[in-house]
């Protein structure tokens, strides 16, 4: 008995390699911070951080104007500068995620 002719067109389609698109693994922390940066609450939190930094600066200036000892002024200046830098790092982390 004669066999039917089978086209090999489908075989050729199966042989085509489909390029795989690699998805970038998004860091969940960055995604959360990006979401936070868009939230209206972030604006208020950022303003609060700025107010805290200003308050710390005023504390040092008040100690100077009140005639506190250089040792006390130096100590409080170091502490407030370190705290202010850490608060700046918090703001920068959120802003970096927003820009990414």
PDB file of N, CA and C in Angstrom:
ATOM      1  N   UNK A   1       0.817  -1.162   0.000  1.00  0.00           N
ATOM      2  CA  UNK A   1       0.000   0.000   0.000  1.00  0.00           C
ATOM      3  C   UNK A   1       0.873   1.243   0.000  1.00  0.00           C
ATOM      4  N   UNK A   2       0.447   2.263  -0.703  1.00  0.00           N
ATOM      5  CA  UNK A   2       1.231   3.483  -0.795  1.00  0.00           C
ATOM      6  C   UNK A   2       1.019   4.320   0.469  1.00  0.00           C
ATOM      7  N   UNK A   3       2.089   4.925   0.863  1.00  0.00           N
ATOM      8  CA  UNK A   3       2.018   5.802   2.042  1.00  0.00           C
ATOM      9  C   UNK A   3       1.778   7.228   1.585  1.00  0.00           C
ATOM     10  N   UNK A   4       1.040   7.984   2.408  1.00  0.00           N
ATOM     11  CA  UNK A   4       0.760   9.377   2.103  1.00  0.00           C
ATOM     12  C   UNK A   4       2.028  10.190   2.323  1.00  0.00           C
ATOM     13  N   UNK A   5       2.171  11.224   1.529  1.00  0.00           N
ATOM     14  CA  UNK A   5       3.321  12.098   1.664  1.00  0.00           C
ATOM     15  C   UNK A   5       3.089  12.998   2.874  1.00  0.00           C
ATOM     16  N   UNK A   6       4.053  13.010   3.753  1.00  0.00           N
ATOM     17  CA  UNK A   6       3.944  13.843   4.946  1.00  0.00           C
ATOM     18  C   UNK A   6       4.847  15.060   4.776  1.00  0.00           C
ATOM     19  N   UNK A   7       4.270  16.232   4.821  1.00  0.00           N
ATOM     20  CA  UNK A   7       5.113  17.416   4.680  1.00  0.00           C
ATOM     21  C   UNK A   7       5.965  17.605   5.945  1.00  0.00           C
ATOM     22  N   UNK A   8       7.160  18.107   5.733  1.00  0.00           N
ATOM     23  CA  UNK A   8       8.049  18.325   6.879  1.00  0.00           C
ATOM     24  C   UNK A   8       8.079  19.805   7.306  1.00  0.00           C
ATOM     25  N   UNK A   9       7.077  20.552   6.896  1.00  0.00           N
ATOM     26  CA  UNK A   9       7.011  21.974   7.221  1.00  0.00           C
ATOM     27  C   UNK A   9       6.954  22.165   8.731  1.00  0.00           C
ATOM     28  N   UNK A  10       6.159  21.361   9.396  1.00  0.00           N
ATOM     29  CA  UNK A  10       6.028  21.515  10.842  1.00  0.00           C
ATOM     30  C   UNK A  10       7.333  21.158  11.549  1.00  0.00           C
ATOM     31  N   UNK A  11       8.060  20.239  10.980  1.00  0.00           N
ATOM     32  CA  UNK A  11       9.355  19.876  11.557  1.00  0.00           C
ATOM     33  C   UNK A  11      10.306  21.067  11.511  1.00  0.00           C
ATOM     34  N   UNK A  12      10.229  21.811  10.432  1.00  0.00           N
ATOM     35  CA  UNK A  12      11.094  22.981  10.310  1.00  0.00           C
ATOM     36  C   UNK A  12      10.737  24.037  11.346  1.00  0.00           C
ATOM     37  N   UNK A  13       9.447  24.211  11.618  1.00  0.00           N
ATOM     38  CA  UNK A  13       9.050  25.174  12.651  1.00  0.00           C
ATOM     39  C   UNK A  13       9.546  24.748  14.028  1.00  0.00           C
ATOM     40  N   UNK A  14       9.505  23.465  14.271  1.00  0.00           N
ATOM     41  CA  UNK A  14       9.969  22.975  15.565  1.00  0.00           C
ATOM     42  C   UNK A  14      11.473  23.156  15.723  1.00  0.00           C
ATOM     43  N   UNK A  15      12.165  23.197  14.643  1.00  0.00           N
ATOM     44  CA  UNK A  15      13.620  23.324  14.700  1.00  0.00           C
ATOM     45  C   UNK A  15      14.068  24.769  14.950  1.00  0.00           C
ATOM     46  N   UNK A  16      13.144  25.710  14.759  1.00  0.00           N
ATOM     47  CA  UNK A  16      13.501  27.118  14.976  1.00  0.00           C
ATOM     48  C   UNK A  16      13.687  27.353  16.464  1.00  0.00           C
ATOM     49  N   UNK A  17      14.797  27.937  16.801  1.00  0.00           N
ATOM     50  CA  UNK A  17      15.064  28.245  18.200  1.00  0.00           C
ATOM     51  C   UNK A  17      14.513  29.625  18.526  1.00  0.00           C
ATOM     52  N   UNK A  18      13.721  29.667  19.551  1.00  0.00           N
ATOM     53  CA  UNK A  18      13.137  30.921  19.995  1.00  0.00           C
ATOM     54  C   UNK A  18      14.087  31.526  21.018  1.00  0.00           C
ATOM     55  N   UNK A  19      14.547  32.751  20.753  1.00  0.00           N
ATOM     56  CA  UNK A  19      15.460  33.362  21.724  1.00  0.00           C
ATOM     57  C   UNK A  19      14.739  33.625  23.047  1.00  0.00           C
ATOM     58  N   UNK A  20      15.426  33.319  24.097  1.00  0.00           N
ATOM     59  CA  UNK A  20      14.830  33.559  25.411  1.00  0.00           C
ATOM     60  C   UNK A  20      15.237  34.951  25.878  1.00  0.00           C
ATOM     61  N   UNK A  21      14.272  35.644  26.386  1.00  0.00           N
ATOM     62  CA  UNK A  21      14.513  36.977  26.906  1.00  0.00           C
ATOM     63  C   UNK A  21      14.699  36.844  28.408  1.00  0.00           C
ATOM     64  N   UNK A  22      15.865  37.244  28.854  1.00  0.00           N
ATOM     65  CA  UNK A  22      16.129  37.147  30.283  1.00  0.00           C
ATOM     66  C   UNK A  22      15.488  38.320  30.992  1.00  0.00           C
ATOM     67  N   UNK A  23      14.698  37.999  31.972  1.00  0.00           N
ATOM     68  CA  UNK A  23      14.084  39.050  32.771  1.00  0.00           C
ATOM     69  C   UNK A  23      15.077  39.488  33.827  1.00  0.00           C
ATOM     70  N   UNK A  24      15.115  40.781  33.991  1.00  0.00           N
ATOM     71  CA  UNK A  24      15.991  41.304  35.028  1.00  0.00           C
ATOM     72  C   UNK A  24      15.377  40.977  36.372  1.00  0.00           C
ATOM     73  N   UNK A  25      16.191  40.427  37.241  1.00  0.00           N
ATOM     74  CA  UNK A  25      15.703  40.173  38.588  1.00  0.00           C
ATOM     75  C   UNK A  25      15.662  41.496  39.324  1.00  0.00           C
ATOM     76  N   UNK A  26      14.463  41.901  39.660  1.00  0.00           N
ATOM     77  CA  UNK A  26      14.306  43.178  40.348  1.00  0.00           C
ATOM     78  C   UNK A  26      14.443  42.930  41.843  1.00  0.00           C
ATOM     79  N   UNK A  27      15.221  43.771  42.447  1.00  0.00           N
ATOM     80  CA  UNK A  27      15.425  43.678  43.877  1.00  0.00           C
ATOM     81  C   UNK A  27      14.148  44.124  44.584  1.00  0.00           C
ATOM     82  N   UNK A  28      13.573  43.270  45.421  1.00  0.00           N
ATOM     83  CA  UNK A  28      12.328  43.664  46.085  1.00  0.00           C
ATOM     84  C   UNK A  28      12.496  44.895  46.980  1.00  0.00           C
ATOM     85  N   UNK A  29      13.685  45.058  47.547  1.00  0.00           N
ATOM     86  CA  UNK A  29      13.939  46.236  48.387  1.00  0.00           C
ATOM     87  C   UNK A  29      13.881  47.509  47.553  1.00  0.00           C
ATOM     88  N   UNK A  30      14.532  47.481  46.387  1.00  0.00           N
ATOM     89  CA  UNK A  30      14.512  48.647  45.506  1.00  0.00           C
ATOM     90  C   UNK A  30      13.096  48.952  45.020  1.00  0.00           C
ATOM     91  N   UNK A  31      12.353  47.902  44.709  1.00  0.00           N
ATOM     92  CA  UNK A  31      10.982  48.106  44.253  1.00  0.00           C
ATOM     93  C   UNK A  31      10.123  48.730  45.356  1.00  0.00           C
ATOM     94  N   UNK A  32      10.320  48.272  46.582  1.00  0.00           N
ATOM     95  CA  UNK A  32       9.557  48.821  47.709  1.00  0.00           C
ATOM     96  C   UNK A  32       9.932  50.277  47.955  1.00  0.00           C
ATOM     97  N   UNK A  33      11.223  50.583  47.867  1.00  0.00           N
ATOM     98  CA  UNK A  33      11.658  51.965  48.080  1.00  0.00           C
ATOM     99  C   UNK A  33      11.176  52.876  46.962  1.00  0.00           C
ATOM    100  N   UNK A  34      11.154  52.342  45.746  1.00  0.00           N
ATOM    101  CA  UNK A  34      10.638  53.126  44.610  1.00  0.00           C
ATOM    102  C   UNK A  34       9.153  53.432  44.832  1.00  0.00           C
ATOM    103  N   UNK A  35       8.430  52.441  45.304  1.00  0.00           N
ATOM    104  CA  UNK A  35       7.016  52.628  45.597  1.00  0.00           C
ATOM    105  C   UNK A  35       6.839  53.659  46.717  1.00  0.00           C
ATOM    106  N   UNK A  36       7.690  53.586  47.730  1.00  0.00           N
ATOM    107  CA  UNK A  36       7.632  54.544  48.837  1.00  0.00           C
ATOM    108  C   UNK A  36       7.889  55.961  48.347  1.00  0.00           C
ATOM    109  N   UNK A  37       8.828  56.112  47.433  1.00  0.00           N
ATOM    110  CA  UNK A  37       9.167  57.454  46.945  1.00  0.00           C
ATOM    111  C   UNK A  37       8.003  58.110  46.221  1.00  0.00           C
ATOM    112  N   UNK A  38       7.103  57.294  45.658  1.00  0.00           N
ATOM    113  CA  UNK A  38       5.941  57.835  44.947  1.00  0.00           C
ATOM    114  C   UNK A  38       4.768  58.112  45.885  1.00  0.00           C
ATOM    115  N   UNK A  39       4.864  57.593  47.088  1.00  0.00           N
ATOM    116  CA  UNK A  39       3.777  57.723  48.049  1.00  0.00           C
ATOM    117  C   UNK A  39       3.801  59.113  48.683  1.00  0.00           C
ATOM    118  N   UNK A  40       2.631  59.676  48.908  1.00  0.00           N
ATOM    119  CA  UNK A  40       2.574  61.029  49.477  1.00  0.00           C
ATOM    120  C   UNK A  40       3.156  61.064  50.884  1.00  0.00           C
ATOM    121  N   UNK A  41       3.124  59.951  51.580  1.00  0.00           N
ATOM    122  CA  UNK A  41       3.688  59.904  52.930  1.00  0.00           C
ATOM    123  C   UNK A  41       5.189  60.131  52.950  1.00  0.00           C
ATOM    124  N   UNK A  42       5.866  59.785  51.877  1.00  0.00           N
ATOM    125  CA  UNK A  42       7.320  59.987  51.824  1.00  0.00           C
ATOM    126  C   UNK A  42       7.658  61.470  51.903  1.00  0.00           C
ATOM    127  N   UNK A  43       6.861  62.298  51.248  1.00  0.00           N
ATOM    128  CA  UNK A  43       7.103  63.740  51.273  1.00  0.00           C
ATOM    129  C   UNK A  43       7.048  64.262  52.710  1.00  0.00           C
ATOM    130  N   UNK A  44       6.058  63.790  53.465  1.00  0.00           N
ATOM    131  CA  UNK A  44       5.932  64.222  54.861  1.00  0.00           C
ATOM    132  C   UNK A  44       7.071  63.682  55.720  1.00  0.00           C
ATOM    133  N   UNK A  45       7.448  62.448  55.466  1.00  0.00           N
ATOM    134  CA  UNK A  45       8.560  61.870  56.215  1.00  0.00           C
ATOM    135  C   UNK A  45       9.866  62.596  55.909  1.00  0.00           C
ATOM    136  N   UNK A  46      10.064  62.944  54.657  1.00  0.00           N
ATOM    137  CA  UNK A  46      11.266  63.676  54.265  1.00  0.00           C
ATOM    138  C   UNK A  46      11.300  65.063  54.919  1.00  0.00           C
ATOM    139  N   UNK A  47      10.143  65.717  54.973  1.00  0.00           N
ATOM    140  CA  UNK A  47      10.065  67.018  55.649  1.00  0.00           C
ATOM    141  C   UNK A  47      10.364  66.871  57.144  1.00  0.00           C
ATOM    142  N   UNK A  48       9.885  65.802  57.739  1.00  0.00           N
ATOM    143  CA  UNK A  48      10.137  65.549  59.156  1.00  0.00           C
ATOM    144  C   UNK A  48      11.628  65.311  59.409  1.00  0.00           C
ATOM    145  N   UNK A  49      12.262  64.552  58.523  1.00  0.00           N
ATOM    146  CA  UNK A  49      13.712  64.313  58.646  1.00  0.00           C
ATOM    147  C   UNK A  49      14.462  65.634  58.542  1.00  0.00           C
ATOM    148  N   UNK A  50      14.072  66.471  57.589  1.00  0.00           N
ATOM    149  CA  UNK A  50      14.718  67.782  57.442  1.00  0.00           C
ATOM    150  C   UNK A  50      14.536  68.638  58.691  1.00  0.00           C
ATOM    151  N   UNK A  51      13.349  68.573  59.292  1.00  0.00           N
ATOM    152  CA  UNK A  51      13.083  69.342  60.512  1.00  0.00           C
ATOM    153  C   UNK A  51      13.956  68.835  61.661  1.00  0.00           C
ATOM    154  N   UNK A  52      14.124  67.518  61.755  1.00  0.00           N
ATOM    155  CA  UNK A  52      14.996  66.955  62.793  1.00  0.00           C
ATOM    156  C   UNK A  52      16.438  67.418  62.613  1.00  0.00           C
ATOM    157  N   UNK A  53      16.896  67.424  61.371  1.00  0.00           N
ATOM    158  CA  UNK A  53      18.262  67.868  61.104  1.00  0.00           C
ATOM    159  C   UNK A  53      18.441  69.339  61.468  1.00  0.00           C
ATOM    160  N   UNK A  54      17.443  70.140  61.159  1.00  0.00           N
ATOM    161  CA  UNK A  54      17.511  71.562  61.498  1.00  0.00           C
ATOM    162  C   UNK A  54      17.503  71.744  63.020  1.00  0.00           C
ATOM    163  N   UNK A  55      16.699  70.958  63.708  1.00  0.00           N
ATOM    164  CA  UNK A  55      16.629  71.031  65.163  1.00  0.00           C
ATOM    165  C   UNK A  55      17.978  70.669  65.801  1.00  0.00           C
ATOM    166  N   UNK A  56      18.644  69.663  65.247  1.00  0.00           N
ATOM    167  CA  UNK A  56      19.965  69.281  65.764  1.00  0.00           C
ATOM    168  C   UNK A  56      20.983  70.399  65.535  1.00  0.00           C
ATOM    169  N   UNK A  57      20.905  71.041  64.382  1.00  0.00           N
ATOM    170  CA  UNK A  57      21.810  72.150  64.091  1.00  0.00           C
ATOM    171  C   UNK A  57      21.563  73.307  65.056  1.00  0.00           C
ATOM    172  N   UNK A  58      20.287  73.587  65.311  1.00  0.00           N
ATOM    173  CA  UNK A  58      19.938  74.661  66.246  1.00  0.00           C
ATOM    174  C   UNK A  58      20.404  74.342  67.664  1.00  0.00           C
ATOM    175  N   UNK A  59      20.414  73.072  68.025  1.00  0.00           N
ATOM    176  CA  UNK A  59      20.890  72.666  69.344  1.00  0.00           C
ATOM    177  C   UNK A  59      22.358  73.042  69.521  1.00  0.00           C
ATOM    178  N   UNK A  60      23.155  72.753  68.507  1.00  0.00           N
ATOM    179  CA  UNK A  60      24.584  73.091  68.565  1.00  0.00           C
ATOM    180  C   UNK A  60      24.755  74.604  68.634  1.00  0.00           C
ATOM    181  N   UNK A  61      24.031  75.327  67.791  1.00  0.00           N
ATOM    182  CA  UNK A  61      24.133  76.789  67.803  1.00  0.00           C
ATOM    183  C   UNK A  61      23.698  77.364  69.147  1.00  0.00           C
ATOM    184  N   UNK A  62      22.681  76.760  69.758  1.00  0.00           N
ATOM    185  CA  UNK A  62      22.241  77.208  71.073  1.00  0.00           C
ATOM    186  C   UNK A  62      23.293  76.982  72.141  1.00  0.00           C
ATOM    187  N   UNK A  63      23.999  75.866  72.048  1.00  0.00           N
ATOM    188  CA  UNK A  63      25.050  75.580  73.021  1.00  0.00           C
ATOM    189  C   UNK A  63      26.184  76.592  72.883  1.00  0.00           C
ATOM    190  N   UNK A  64      26.502  76.958  71.653  1.00  0.00           N
ATOM    191  CA  UNK A  64      27.566  77.938  71.418  1.00  0.00           C
ATOM    192  C   UNK A  64      27.154  79.285  71.995  1.00  0.00           C
ATOM    193  N   UNK A  65      25.919  79.696  71.707  1.00  0.00           N
ATOM    194  CA  UNK A  65      25.470  81.016  72.183  1.00  0.00           C
ATOM    195  C   UNK A  65      25.283  81.056  73.701  1.00  0.00           C
ATOM    196  N   UNK A  66      25.073  79.904  74.321  1.00  0.00           N
ATOM    197  CA  UNK A  66      24.918  79.854  75.778  1.00  0.00           C
ATOM    198  C   UNK A  66      26.251  79.741  76.516  1.00  0.00           C
ATOM    199  N   UNK A  67      27.316  79.650  75.751  1.00  0.00           N
ATOM    200  CA  UNK A  67      28.631  79.601  76.370  1.00  0.00           C
ATOM    201  C   UNK A  67      29.009  78.251  76.942  1.00  0.00           C
ATOM    202  N   UNK A  68      28.496  77.180  76.352  1.00  0.00           N
ATOM    203  CA  UNK A  68      28.868  75.840  76.807  1.00  0.00           C
ATOM    204  C   UNK A  68      30.348  75.607  76.579  1.00  0.00           C
ATOM    205  N   UNK A  69      30.906  74.639  77.282  1.00  0.00           N
ATOM    206  CA  UNK A  69      32.334  74.353  77.144  1.00  0.00           C
ATOM    207  C   UNK A  69      32.631  73.801  75.749  1.00  0.00           C
ATOM    208  N   UNK A  70      33.862  73.994  75.317  1.00  0.00           N
ATOM    209  CA  UNK A  70      34.273  73.493  74.005  1.00  0.00           C
ATOM    210  C   UNK A  70      34.130  71.976  73.952  1.00  0.00           C
ATOM    211  N   UNK A  71      34.382  71.328  75.046  1.00  0.00           N
ATOM    212  CA  UNK A  71      34.269  69.868  75.090  1.00  0.00           C
ATOM    213  C   UNK A  71      32.823  69.438  74.848  1.00  0.00           C
ATOM    214  N   UNK A  72      31.881  70.092  75.504  1.00  0.00           N
ATOM    215  CA  UNK A  72      30.468  69.766  75.318  1.00  0.00           C
ATOM    216  C   UNK A  72      30.003  70.101  73.904  1.00  0.00           C
ATOM    217  N   UNK A  73      30.428  71.251  73.408  1.00  0.00           N
ATOM    218  CA  UNK A  73      30.057  71.649  72.044  1.00  0.00           C
ATOM    219  C   UNK A  73      30.628  70.660  71.037  1.00  0.00           C
ATOM    220  N   UNK A  74      31.875  70.274  71.236  1.00  0.00           N
ATOM    221  CA  UNK A  74      32.508  69.310  70.324  1.00  0.00           C
ATOM    222  C   UNK A  74      31.796  67.974  70.335  1.00  0.00           C
ATOM    223  N   UNK A  75      31.454  67.513  71.535  1.00  0.00           N
ATOM    224  CA  UNK A  75      30.783  66.221  71.669  1.00  0.00           C
ATOM    225  C   UNK A  75      29.430  66.243  70.966  1.00  0.00           C
ATOM    226  N   UNK A  76      28.635  67.267  71.239  1.00  0.00           N
ATOM    227  CA  UNK A  76      27.300  67.330  70.637  1.00  0.00           C
ATOM    228  C   UNK A  76      27.376  67.568  69.129  1.00  0.00           C
ATOM    229  N   UNK A  77      28.396  68.299  68.683  1.00  0.00           N
ATOM    230  CA  UNK A  77      28.582  68.527  67.244  1.00  0.00           C
ATOM    231  C   UNK A  77      28.870  67.212  66.525  1.00  0.00           C
ATOM    232  N   UNK A  78      29.740  66.398  67.092  1.00  0.00           N
ATOM    233  CA  UNK A  78      30.063  65.107  66.476  1.00  0.00           C
ATOM    234  C   UNK A  78      28.820  64.228  66.398  1.00  0.00           C
ATOM    235  N   UNK A  79      28.089  64.157  67.490  1.00  0.00           N
ATOM    236  CA  UNK A  79      26.895  63.308  67.528  1.00  0.00           C
ATOM    237  C   UNK A  79      25.845  63.794  66.531  1.00  0.00           C
ATOM    238  N   UNK A  80      25.578  65.088  66.507  1.00  0.00           N
ATOM    239  CA  UNK A  80      24.561  65.602  65.589  1.00  0.00           C
ATOM    240  C   UNK A  80      24.980  65.452  64.130  1.00  0.00           C
ATOM    241  N   UNK A  81      26.273  65.628  63.845  1.00  0.00           N
ATOM    242  CA  UNK A  81      26.745  65.434  62.468  1.00  0.00           C
ATOM    243  C   UNK A  81      26.589  63.985  62.035  1.00  0.00           C
ATOM    244  N   UNK A  82      26.922  63.046  62.913  1.00  0.00           N
ATOM    245  CA  UNK A  82      26.763  61.628  62.573  1.00  0.00           C
ATOM    246  C   UNK A  82      25.295  61.273  62.358  1.00  0.00           C
ATOM    247  N   UNK A  83      24.436  61.764  63.246  1.00  0.00           N
ATOM    248  CA  UNK A  83      23.006  61.489  63.100  1.00  0.00           C
ATOM    249  C   UNK A  83      22.453  62.107  61.819  1.00  0.00           C
ATOM    250  N   UNK A  84      22.877  63.318  61.511  1.00  0.00           N
ATOM    251  CA  UNK A  84      22.414  63.990  60.307  1.00  0.00           C
ATOM    252  C   UNK A  84      22.867  63.245  59.047  1.00  0.00           C
ATOM    253  N   UNK A  85      24.093  62.728  59.059  1.00  0.00           N
ATOM    254  CA  UNK A  85      24.590  61.955  57.919  1.00  0.00           C
ATOM    255  C   UNK A  85      23.761  60.692  57.721  1.00  0.00           C
ATOM    256  N   UNK A  86      23.405  60.036  58.813  1.00  0.00           N
ATOM    257  CA  UNK A  86      22.590  58.814  58.703  1.00  0.00           C
ATOM    258  C   UNK A  86      21.198  59.142  58.164  1.00  0.00           C
ATOM    259  N   UNK A  87      20.628  60.230  58.596  1.00  0.00           N
ATOM    260  CA  UNK A  87      19.327  60.642  58.072  1.00  0.00           C
ATOM    261  C   UNK A  87      19.425  60.995  56.588  1.00  0.00           C
ATOM    262  N   UNK A  88      20.534  61.619  56.182  1.00  0.00           N
ATOM    263  CA  UNK A  88      20.755  61.902  54.757  1.00  0.00           C
ATOM    264  C   UNK A  88      20.849  60.604  53.957  1.00  0.00           C
ATOM    265  N   UNK A  89      21.454  59.583  54.545  1.00  0.00           N
ATOM    266  CA  UNK A  89      21.575  58.292  53.860  1.00  0.00           C
ATOM    267  C   UNK A  89      20.208  57.662  53.634  1.00  0.00           C
ATOM    268  N   UNK A  90      19.318  57.820  54.593  1.00  0.00           N
ATOM    269  CA  UNK A  90      17.953  57.302  54.434  1.00  0.00           C
ATOM    270  C   UNK A  90      17.279  58.005  53.258  1.00  0.00           C
ATOM    271  N   UNK A  91      17.357  59.326  53.229  1.00  0.00           N
ATOM    272  CA  UNK A  91      16.746  60.083  52.131  1.00  0.00           C
ATOM    273  C   UNK A  91      17.373  59.706  50.797  1.00  0.00           C
ATOM    274  N   UNK A  92      18.688  59.563  50.774  1.00  0.00           N
ATOM    275  CA  UNK A  92      19.381  59.255  49.526  1.00  0.00           C
ATOM    276  C   UNK A  92      19.011  57.868  49.008  1.00  0.00           C
ATOM    277  N   UNK A  93      18.843  56.909  49.901  1.00  0.00           N
ATOM    278  CA  UNK A  93      18.487  55.547  49.487  1.00  0.00           C
ATOM    279  C   UNK A  93      17.139  55.532  48.783  1.00  0.00           C
ATOM    280  N   UNK A  94      16.177  56.245  49.322  1.00  0.00           N
ATOM    281  CA  UNK A  94      14.856  56.300  48.704  1.00  0.00           C
ATOM    282  C   UNK A  94      14.923  57.058  47.378  1.00  0.00           C
ATOM    283  N   UNK A  95      15.646  58.175  47.347  1.00  0.00           N
ATOM    284  CA  UNK A  95      15.750  58.961  46.113  1.00  0.00           C
ATOM    285  C   UNK A  95      16.506  58.208  45.028  1.00  0.00           C
ATOM    286  N   UNK A  96      17.510  57.416  45.401  1.00  0.00           N
ATOM    287  CA  UNK A  96      18.232  56.604  44.417  1.00  0.00           C
ATOM    288  C   UNK A  96      17.320  55.557  43.797  1.00  0.00           C
ATOM    289  N   UNK A  97      16.489  54.936  44.620  1.00  0.00           N
ATOM    290  CA  UNK A  97      15.551  53.936  44.109  1.00  0.00           C
ATOM    291  C   UNK A  97      14.553  54.573  43.158  1.00  0.00           C
ATOM    292  N   UNK A  98      14.150  55.797  43.467  1.00  0.00           N
ATOM    293  CA  UNK A  98      13.187  56.508  42.603  1.00  0.00           C
ATOM    294  C   UNK A  98      13.800  56.781  41.242  1.00  0.00           C
ATOM    295  N   UNK A  99      15.069  57.149  41.209  1.00  0.00           N
ATOM    296  CA  UNK A  99      15.734  57.505  39.952  1.00  0.00           C
ATOM    297  C   UNK A  99      16.120  56.292  39.131  1.00  0.00           C
ATOM    298  N   UNK A 100      16.194  55.144  39.760  1.00  0.00           N
ATOM    299  CA  UNK A 100      16.655  53.933  39.066  1.00  0.00           C
ATOM    300  C   UNK A 100      15.666  53.465  38.034  1.00  0.00           C
TER     301      UNK A 100
END
